């Protein structure tokens, strides 16, 4: 069952229960009052007339008893058939029914359940009896019994008419509710269509503004989410392209170093080794061997530099603190015009290798960016670790940049990507000629080893 039908059904059920409980009780209570009032007024009038008749006939019977007394009717009750709310019976002194005002019965009685409800709410209406005397003796008895069946039948007919009206009312109301709910929920189709567009990859899909405040807020949140998703995927694509470019540049650099440096040194070793093989004196061999030793040492330095670029060896051998100290001191040695102040607090040996590599690469990238762009005279590095997180802070007093303009380089984007992988936080504060402040928080992910 869709939402529109469900809302329509709920409203209909609530309306039906309200009408049944409120309208039914009110109708029956009102009918009870009407029946009681109608029967009471009719009974008072009938008793008044019958008392007059009894008094008249009793005085007549006191002088002359007409023929037929005790054998027939002296009140002619059959002429009171229009008094439907009372059953008036005349019994002779022997208990035989001589006359009554009810010659016919209702052709169609209301349902038994309705008669039961009316009997419950109206309560008992006791019969009234009047004895008729003649010559000082009882000649008969009038029994007046309230009969609400005709009045109840009229109430039932009224309720049937009301039920027909209520049924028609329900049909009209349901049609109006169904139309109104459908019109109110029409924006949901737009929302579903927009979600389907997102599912199919159309990230430019947006929702229009809606009239309802709740749906308008949903539209605003959806559009913000779609814009964020579109920007994130675009950034990821751009980052991936930059990453591929960096990888290719790194491979090019390694290939060039291997070809230019290692290749040349291997060629020199080959030449000197050939010279040793062809040498006729020991002095000549020693000279070539010394050249080979020198070239081999140069090759070791080159290989160490390449390996350091691929992975910092000190990180595995000495730990993060010593590796960072070596990195920062080495950078300062190459850029002596910049004053470097660094502090490292806490131990990091129990952290996962991914966290350690990330910390090292983030500091390395910050120093690289400072060397390339900042022209800073002072750099302050602070690394702190507590039970829950590692906080990195790198500040410089260099050129800075306009933080409102999105950087196009790979440096900051790559750093943020590393931080996001570890579900950390990354914040950059900068302005032109006011330096750059980078603050990073990483969770303390402990090693399983």
Protein backbone atom coordinates (compact mmCIF):
# COMPACT_ATOMS: atom_id res chain seq x y z
CA UNK A 1 0.00 0.00 0.00
CA UNK A 2 1.49 3.33 -1.01
CA UNK A 3 1.72 6.34 1.29
CA UNK A 4 -1.18 8.19 -0.33
CA UNK A 5 -3.65 5.33 0.21
CA UNK A 6 -2.33 4.73 3.73
CA UNK A 7 -2.87 8.37 4.76
CA UNK A 8 -6.30 8.35 3.13
CA UNK A 9 -7.24 5.16 5.01
CA UNK A 10 -6.02 6.49 8.36
CA UNK A 11 -7.98 9.73 7.98
CA UNK A 12 -11.09 7.79 6.92
CA UNK A 13 -10.87 5.39 9.87
CA UNK A 14 -10.38 8.23 12.35
CA UNK A 15 -13.27 10.18 10.83
CA UNK A 16 -15.48 7.07 10.87
CA UNK A 17 -14.68 6.31 14.51
CA UNK A 18 -15.33 9.92 15.44
CA UNK A 19 -18.72 9.92 13.72
CA UNK A 20 -19.69 6.52 15.13
CA UNK A 21 -18.61 7.21 18.69
CA UNK A 22 -19.63 10.87 18.88
CA UNK A 23 -22.58 10.93 16.46
CA UNK A 24 -23.93 7.50 17.48
CA UNK A 25 -23.93 8.23 21.21
CA UNK A 26 -25.38 11.70 20.65
CA UNK A 27 -28.08 10.38 18.31
CA UNK A 28 -29.13 7.57 20.63
CA UNK A 29 -29.07 9.85 23.66
CA UNK A 30 -31.14 12.43 21.82
CA UNK A 31 -33.53 9.72 20.58
CA UNK A 32 -33.93 8.46 24.12
CA UNK A 33 -34.92 11.91 25.29
CA UNK A 34 -37.34 12.35 22.40
CA UNK A 35 -38.96 8.95 22.97
CA UNK A 36 -39.32 9.53 26.69
CA UNK A 37 -40.74 13.03 26.21
CA UNK A 38 -43.15 11.90 23.47
CA UNK A 39 -44.43 8.92 25.44
CA UNK A 40 -44.66 10.89 28.67
CA UNK A 41 -46.69 13.68 27.09
CA UNK A 42 -48.99 11.21 25.32
CA UNK A 43 -49.42 9.18 28.51
CA UNK A 44 -50.33 12.25 30.56
CA UNK A 45 -52.93 13.34 28.02
CA UNK A 46 -54.37 9.84 27.65
CA UNK A 47 -54.53 9.28 31.41
CA UNK A 48 -56.28 12.59 31.89
CA UNK A 49 -58.91 11.72 29.29
CA UNK A 50 -59.35 8.17 30.53
CA UNK A 51 -59.68 9.29 34.14
CA UNK A 52 -62.48 11.59 33.01
CA UNK A 53 -64.13 8.72 31.15
CA UNK A 54 -63.78 6.39 34.13
CA UNK A 55 -65.31 8.99 36.41
CA UNK A 56 -68.19 9.51 33.97
CA UNK A 57 -68.94 5.87 33.47
CA UNK A 58 -68.60 5.10 37.15
CA UNK A 59 -71.21 7.75 37.95
CA UNK A 60 -73.45 6.41 35.19
CA UNK A 61 -73.01 2.85 36.37
CA UNK A 62 -73.89 4.00 39.83
CA UNK A 63 -77.47 4.63 38.62
CA UNK A 64 -78.03 2.30 35.67
CA UNK A 65 -75.74 -0.38 34.36
CA UNK A 66 -76.13 -0.47 30.60
CA UNK A 67 -76.60 -3.71 28.82
CA UNK A 68 -73.38 -5.33 27.77
CA UNK A 69 -71.13 -4.09 30.59
CA UNK A 70 -68.52 -6.75 31.07
CA UNK A 71 -69.30 -8.18 27.65
CA UNK A 72 -67.89 -5.46 25.35
CA UNK A 73 -66.25 -2.04 25.29
CA UNK A 74 -67.55 0.92 27.21
CA UNK A 75 -64.60 3.17 26.21
CA UNK A 76 -64.49 2.51 22.44
CA UNK A 77 -60.69 2.16 22.50
CA UNK A 78 -60.61 1.08 18.86
CA UNK A 79 -61.12 4.74 18.00
CA UNK A 80 -57.76 5.56 19.65
CA UNK A 81 -55.64 3.70 17.13
CA UNK A 82 -53.76 6.93 16.36
CA UNK A 83 -52.37 6.97 19.90
CA UNK A 84 -49.41 4.80 18.85
CA UNK A 85 -47.11 5.47 21.77
CA UNK A 86 -49.47 3.87 24.29
CA UNK A 87 -51.06 0.47 24.39
CA UNK A 88 -54.46 0.87 26.12
CA UNK A 89 -56.29 -2.37 27.01
CA UNK A 90 -59.62 -2.84 28.81
CA UNK A 91 -60.08 -6.06 30.73
CA UNK A 92 -63.38 -7.21 32.32
CA UNK A 93 -63.64 -8.32 35.91
CA UNK A 94 -62.73 -11.83 34.84
CA UNK A 95 -59.51 -10.74 33.19
CA UNK A 96 -60.71 -11.04 29.63
CA UNK A 97 -59.53 -8.49 27.04
CA UNK A 98 -62.58 -6.57 25.88
CA UNK A 99 -61.07 -3.71 23.94
CA UNK A 100 -57.69 -2.31 22.82
CA UNK A 101 -56.43 0.57 20.75
CA UNK A 102 -53.81 -1.52 18.88
CA UNK A 103 -55.42 -3.39 16.08
CA UNK A 104 -52.28 -3.62 13.93
CA UNK A 105 -48.56 -4.24 14.48
CA UNK A 106 -45.55 -2.66 12.81
CA UNK A 107 -44.96 -4.21 9.42
CA UNK A 108 -41.17 -3.91 9.70
CA UNK A 109 -39.40 -3.67 13.04
CA UNK A 110 -35.95 -2.07 13.42
CA UNK A 111 -33.01 -4.47 13.80
CA UNK A 112 -32.79 -6.37 17.06
CA UNK A 113 -29.46 -4.78 18.02
CA UNK A 114 -30.97 -1.30 17.65
CA UNK A 115 -34.04 -2.27 19.68
CA UNK A 116 -31.66 -3.63 22.35
CA UNK A 117 -29.67 -0.40 22.43
CA UNK A 118 -32.82 1.71 22.68
CA UNK A 119 -34.21 -0.54 25.42
CA UNK A 120 -30.89 -0.15 27.24
CA UNK A 121 -30.84 3.60 27.08
CA UNK A 122 -34.56 4.25 27.58
CA UNK A 123 -34.93 1.95 30.59
CA UNK A 124 -38.18 0.48 31.83
CA UNK A 125 -41.48 2.34 31.47
CA UNK A 126 -43.94 0.68 33.87
CA UNK A 127 -47.59 0.18 32.94
CA UNK A 128 -50.34 2.25 34.60
CA UNK A 129 -53.62 0.59 35.71
CA UNK A 130 -57.06 2.11 36.42
CA UNK A 131 -59.93 0.07 37.85
CA UNK A 132 -63.49 0.80 36.70
CA UNK A 133 -66.30 0.57 39.34
CA UNK A 134 -70.08 0.26 38.97
CA UNK A 135 -72.54 -0.13 41.84
CA UNK A 136 -69.61 -0.36 44.16
CA UNK A 137 -68.10 -3.32 42.39
CA UNK A 138 -65.20 -3.71 39.92
CA UNK A 139 -66.50 -4.09 36.41
CA UNK A 140 -63.18 -3.91 34.62
CA UNK A 141 -59.63 -2.54 34.48
CA UNK A 142 -57.81 -0.21 32.11
CA UNK A 143 -54.13 -0.99 31.53
CA UNK A 144 -52.03 1.76 29.89
CA UNK A 145 -48.64 0.40 28.77
CA UNK A 146 -46.03 2.69 27.13
CA UNK A 147 -45.15 1.36 23.69
CA UNK A 148 -41.97 3.01 22.28
CA UNK A 149 -41.77 0.68 19.28
CA UNK A 150 -43.39 3.18 16.87
CA UNK A 151 -41.18 6.01 18.09
CA UNK A 152 -38.10 3.74 17.88
CA UNK A 153 -39.11 2.81 14.33
CA UNK A 154 -39.30 6.51 13.44
CA UNK A 155 -35.86 7.06 15.00
CA UNK A 156 -34.51 4.12 13.00
CA UNK A 157 -35.90 5.62 9.80
CA UNK A 158 -34.22 8.93 10.64
CA UNK A 159 -30.94 7.14 11.41
CA UNK A 160 -31.17 5.26 8.10
CA UNK A 161 -31.51 8.57 6.30
CA UNK A 162 -28.62 9.97 8.29
CA UNK A 163 -26.51 6.88 7.48
CA UNK A 164 -27.19 7.37 3.80
CA UNK A 165 -26.10 10.98 4.14
CA UNK A 166 -23.01 9.92 6.12
CA UNK A 167 -22.18 7.32 3.47
CA UNK A 168 -22.42 9.92 0.74
CA UNK A 169 -20.40 12.28 2.94
CA UNK A 170 -17.69 9.63 3.37
CA UNK A 171 -17.49 9.03 -0.37
CA UNK A 172 -17.14 12.75 -1.11
CA UNK A 173 -14.66 13.29 1.74
CA UNK A 174 -12.55 10.31 0.64
CA UNK A 175 -12.40 11.64 -2.90
CA UNK A 176 -11.39 15.09 -1.64
CA UNK A 177 -8.83 13.63 0.79
CA UNK A 178 -7.37 11.36 -1.89
CA UNK A 179 -7.04 14.29 -4.28
CA UNK A 180 -5.63 16.63 -1.60
CA UNK A 181 -3.14 14.06 -0.29
CA UNK A 182 -2.07 13.22 -3.82
CA UNK A 183 -1.53 16.89 -4.56
CA UNK A 184 0.39 17.40 -1.29
CA UNK A 185 2.60 14.34 -1.92
CA UNK A 186 3.24 15.13 -5.56
CA UNK A 187 6.71 16.53 -4.73
CA UNK A 188 7.70 13.04 -3.55
CA UNK A 189 7.62 11.95 -7.19
CA UNK A 190 10.11 14.72 -7.94
CA UNK A 191 12.31 13.56 -5.07
CA UNK A 192 12.23 9.95 -6.27
CA UNK A 193 13.01 11.07 -9.82
CA UNK A 194 15.99 13.11 -8.60
CA UNK A 195 17.28 10.17 -6.52
CA UNK A 196 16.94 7.93 -9.56
CA UNK A 197 18.97 10.42 -11.61
CA UNK A 198 21.69 10.34 -8.95
CA UNK A 199 21.62 6.55 -8.99
CA UNK A 200 22.10 6.60 -12.76
CA UNK A 201 25.11 8.91 -12.37
CA UNK A 202 23.55 12.26 -13.26
CA UNK A 203 25.16 14.28 -10.48
CA UNK A 204 23.79 17.55 -11.87
CA UNK A 205 20.26 16.55 -10.83
CA UNK A 206 18.64 19.08 -8.46
CA UNK A 207 15.27 19.48 -6.76
CA UNK A 208 13.09 22.57 -7.30
CA UNK A 209 11.92 24.65 -4.32
CA UNK A 210 8.68 23.37 -2.74
CA UNK A 211 5.83 25.23 -1.07
CA UNK A 212 5.69 23.09 2.06
CA UNK A 213 8.40 24.12 4.55
CA UNK A 214 9.31 20.49 5.38
CA UNK A 215 9.69 19.51 1.74
CA UNK A 216 11.52 22.76 1.05
CA UNK A 217 14.11 21.84 3.70
CA UNK A 218 14.43 18.38 2.17
CA UNK A 219 14.98 20.02 -1.23
CA UNK A 220 17.69 22.29 0.18
CA UNK A 221 19.48 19.42 1.94
CA UNK A 222 19.24 17.24 -1.17
CA UNK A 223 20.70 19.92 -3.40
CA UNK A 224 23.56 20.54 -0.96
CA UNK A 225 24.22 16.79 -0.77
CA UNK A 226 24.18 16.45 -4.57
CA UNK A 227 26.51 19.44 -4.96
CA UNK A 228 28.88 18.02 -2.33
CA UNK A 229 28.82 14.61 -4.01
CA UNK A 230 29.43 16.17 -7.42
CA UNK A 231 32.36 18.22 -6.09
CA UNK A 232 33.77 15.22 -4.22
CA UNK A 233 33.70 12.98 -7.29
CA UNK A 234 35.19 15.78 -9.41
CA UNK A 235 37.94 16.27 -6.81
CA UNK A 236 38.59 12.53 -6.71
CA UNK A 237 38.92 12.43 -10.48
CA UNK A 238 41.25 15.40 -10.43
CA UNK A 239 43.22 13.87 -7.58
CA UNK A 240 43.47 10.55 -9.39
CA UNK A 241 44.75 12.29 -12.51
CA UNK A 242 47.32 14.18 -10.46
CA UNK A 243 48.32 11.00 -8.65
CA UNK A 244 48.86 9.20 -11.94
CA UNK A 245 50.87 12.17 -13.18
CA UNK A 246 52.99 12.17 -10.00
CA UNK A 247 53.57 8.44 -10.32
CA UNK A 248 54.66 8.87 -13.92
CA UNK A 249 56.92 11.78 -12.98
CA UNK A 250 58.46 9.71 -10.18
CA UNK A 251 59.03 6.78 -12.50
CA UNK A 252 60.58 9.15 -15.03
CA UNK A 253 62.87 10.59 -12.37
CA UNK A 254 63.90 7.15 -11.16
CA UNK A 255 64.51 5.96 -14.71
CA UNK A 256 66.59 9.05 -15.43
CA UNK A 257 68.64 8.62 -12.27
CA UNK A 258 69.15 4.92 -12.93
CA UNK A 259 70.20 5.66 -16.50
CA UNK A 260 72.25 8.78 -15.92
CA UNK A 261 73.81 8.08 -12.56
CA UNK A 262 73.87 4.31 -12.08
CA UNK A 263 74.47 3.67 -15.77
CA UNK A 264 77.43 6.03 -15.93
CA UNK A 265 78.93 4.65 -12.75
CA UNK A 266 78.53 1.07 -13.96
CA UNK A 267 80.22 2.08 -17.20
CA UNK A 268 83.11 3.61 -15.19
CA UNK A 269 83.40 0.43 -13.11
CA UNK A 270 83.42 -1.65 -16.29
CA UNK A 271 86.19 0.51 -17.77
CA UNK A 272 88.28 0.38 -14.59
CA UNK A 273 87.75 -3.38 -14.26
CA UNK A 274 88.90 -3.85 -17.85
CA UNK A 275 91.93 -1.70 -17.07
CA UNK A 276 92.80 -3.95 -14.12
CA UNK A 277 92.53 -7.00 -16.32
CA UNK A 278 94.87 -5.42 -18.87
CA UNK A 279 97.25 -3.79 -16.34
CA UNK A 280 100.86 -4.95 -16.50
CA UNK A 281 101.95 -3.41 -13.21
CA UNK A 282 100.56 -3.47 -9.67
CA UNK A 283 100.51 0.30 -9.48
CA UNK A 284 98.20 0.55 -12.48
CA UNK A 285 95.86 -2.06 -10.97
CA UNK A 286 95.73 -0.20 -7.66
CA UNK A 287 94.81 3.02 -9.41
CA UNK A 288 91.90 1.38 -11.25
CA UNK A 289 90.78 -0.43 -8.08
CA UNK A 290 90.73 2.90 -6.18
CA UNK A 291 88.58 4.40 -8.94
CA UNK A 292 86.16 1.46 -8.67
CA UNK A 293 85.96 1.95 -4.88
CA UNK A 294 85.15 5.65 -5.33
CA UNK A 295 82.46 4.95 -7.92
CA UNK A 296 80.93 2.18 -5.78
CA UNK A 297 80.62 4.59 -2.83
CA UNK A 298 78.93 7.14 -5.07
CA UNK A 299 76.53 4.46 -6.29
CA UNK A 300 75.69 3.53 -2.69
CA UNK A 301 74.84 7.16 -1.93
CA UNK A 302 72.62 7.35 -5.02
CA UNK A 303 70.82 4.10 -4.15
CA UNK A 304 70.36 5.26 -0.54
CA UNK A 305 68.82 8.50 -1.82
CA UNK A 306 66.46 6.61 -4.14
CA UNK A 307 65.43 4.19 -1.38
CA UNK A 308 64.88 7.11 0.98
CA UNK A 309 62.49 8.63 -1.56
CA UNK A 310 60.65 5.33 -1.92
CA UNK A 311 60.47 4.62 1.83
CA UNK A 312 62.29 6.23 4.77
CA UNK A 313 64.64 3.60 6.13
CA UNK A 314 64.98 5.30 9.49
CA UNK A 315 61.27 4.78 10.16
CA UNK A 316 61.72 1.02 10.38
CA UNK A 317 65.14 1.05 12.00
CA UNK A 318 64.97 3.94 14.49
CA UNK A 319 61.26 4.76 14.92
CA UNK A 320 59.11 7.74 14.00
CA UNK A 321 60.74 10.26 16.36
CA UNK A 322 64.27 9.63 15.03
CA UNK A 323 63.06 9.48 11.39
CA UNK A 324 61.29 12.82 11.74
CA UNK A 325 64.33 14.36 13.44
CA UNK A 326 66.52 13.14 10.57
CA UNK A 327 64.04 14.47 8.01
CA UNK A 328 63.72 17.91 9.63
CA UNK A 329 67.46 18.29 10.28
CA UNK A 330 68.26 17.23 6.72
CA UNK A 331 65.76 19.76 5.35
CA UNK A 332 67.21 22.50 7.57
CA UNK A 333 70.74 21.63 6.41
CA UNK A 334 69.66 22.18 2.79
CA UNK A 335 67.68 25.37 3.60
CA UNK A 336 69.80 27.15 6.17
CA UNK A 337 68.12 30.49 5.51
CA UNK A 338 65.04 29.17 7.38
CA UNK A 339 65.03 28.79 11.16
CA UNK A 340 63.37 25.53 12.21
CA UNK A 341 61.85 24.95 15.65
CA UNK A 342 60.31 21.53 16.21
CA UNK A 343 58.94 19.64 19.22
CA UNK A 344 57.84 16.01 19.35
CA UNK A 345 55.87 14.88 22.42
CA UNK A 346 54.88 11.31 23.20
CA UNK A 347 55.83 7.88 21.94
CA UNK A 348 54.58 6.41 18.68
CA UNK A 349 55.99 2.86 18.66
CA UNK A 350 52.61 1.21 19.30
CA UNK A 351 50.82 2.93 16.40
CA UNK A 352 49.86 1.21 13.19
CA UNK A 353 52.34 1.46 10.31
CA UNK A 354 49.80 3.32 8.17
CA UNK A 355 49.54 6.07 10.79
CA UNK A 356 53.34 6.31 11.11
CA UNK A 357 53.86 6.57 7.33
CA UNK A 358 51.05 9.16 7.10
CA UNK A 359 52.61 11.35 9.82
CA UNK A 360 56.03 11.15 8.14
CA UNK A 361 54.66 11.94 4.65
CA UNK A 362 52.55 14.85 5.91
CA UNK A 363 55.55 16.51 7.57
CA UNK A 364 57.64 15.77 4.47
CA UNK A 365 55.04 17.34 2.18
CA UNK A 366 54.72 20.42 4.41
CA UNK A 367 58.48 20.96 4.28
CA UNK A 368 58.51 20.43 0.51
CA UNK A 369 55.74 23.03 0.03
CA UNK A 370 57.56 25.50 2.28
CA UNK A 371 60.77 25.05 0.29
CA UNK A 372 58.99 25.49 -3.06
CA UNK A 373 56.56 28.32 -2.35
CA UNK A 374 56.88 29.95 1.06
CA UNK A 375 60.31 31.65 1.16
CA UNK A 376 59.87 31.43 4.93
CA UNK A 377 62.46 32.57 7.46
CA UNK A 378 60.95 30.57 10.34
CA UNK A 379 59.18 27.21 10.53
CA UNK A 380 57.54 25.85 13.71
CA UNK A 381 56.66 22.13 13.86
CA UNK A 382 54.75 20.64 16.79
CA UNK A 383 53.74 16.97 17.07
CA UNK A 384 51.76 15.77 20.11
CA UNK A 385 50.21 12.43 20.90
CA UNK A 386 47.65 11.48 23.59
CA UNK A 387 45.51 8.38 24.14
CA UNK A 388 43.01 9.20 21.39
CA UNK A 389 44.73 11.25 18.69
CA UNK A 390 47.92 12.63 17.18
CA UNK A 391 47.96 16.38 16.50
CA UNK A 392 50.35 17.82 13.88
CA UNK A 393 50.93 21.56 13.60
CA UNK A 394 53.20 23.18 10.99
CA UNK A 395 53.44 26.98 10.71
CA UNK A 396 55.63 29.28 8.62
CA UNK A 397 55.94 33.03 8.11
CA UNK A 398 56.25 32.85 4.32
CA UNK A 399 54.30 34.21 1.40
CA UNK A 400 51.04 32.44 2.20
CA UNK A 401 48.14 32.27 -0.27
CA UNK A 402 44.51 33.24 -0.63
CA UNK A 403 42.64 30.45 1.15
CA UNK A 404 39.39 31.34 -0.68
CA UNK A 405 40.96 30.21 -3.97
CA UNK A 406 41.08 26.46 -4.39
CA UNK A 407 44.69 25.24 -4.85
CA UNK A 408 45.39 23.53 -8.15
CA UNK A 409 48.46 21.58 -7.03
CA UNK A 410 48.66 18.04 -5.75
CA UNK A 411 50.34 18.84 -2.43
CA UNK A 412 47.46 19.98 -0.21
CA UNK A 413 44.95 17.73 -2.00
CA UNK A 414 47.20 14.71 -1.48
CA UNK A 415 47.67 15.57 2.19
CA UNK A 416 43.91 15.90 2.71
CA UNK A 417 43.35 12.60 0.94
CA UNK A 418 45.79 10.86 3.30
CA UNK A 419 44.05 12.40 6.32
CA UNK A 420 40.57 11.45 5.04
CA UNK A 421 41.62 7.83 4.60
CA UNK A 422 42.34 7.70 8.35
CA UNK A 423 39.11 9.64 9.16
CA UNK A 424 41.13 12.55 10.57
CA UNK A 425 40.67 16.31 10.29
CA UNK A 426 42.66 18.68 8.07
CA UNK A 427 42.67 22.47 8.43
CA UNK A 428 44.67 25.08 6.53
CA UNK A 429 44.66 28.75 7.53
CA UNK A 430 46.48 31.26 5.31
CA UNK A 431 46.42 34.72 3.81
CA UNK A 432 48.69 36.58 1.42
CA UNK A 433 51.98 37.61 3.09
CA UNK A 434 50.84 36.09 6.39
CA UNK A 435 52.23 32.59 6.16
CA UNK A 436 50.47 29.25 6.34
CA UNK A 437 49.22 27.26 9.34
CA UNK A 438 48.42 23.55 8.86
CA UNK A 439 46.71 21.64 11.70
CA UNK A 440 46.03 17.92 11.36
CA UNK A 441 44.41 15.47 13.78
CA UNK A 442 44.75 11.70 13.26
CA UNK A 443 43.20 8.91 15.33
CA UNK A 444 45.54 6.69 17.35
CA UNK A 445 45.17 3.39 15.51
CA UNK A 446 47.27 0.88 17.38
CA UNK A 447 49.25 -1.85 15.67
CA UNK A 448 47.97 -5.43 15.89
CA UNK A 449 51.53 -6.74 16.18
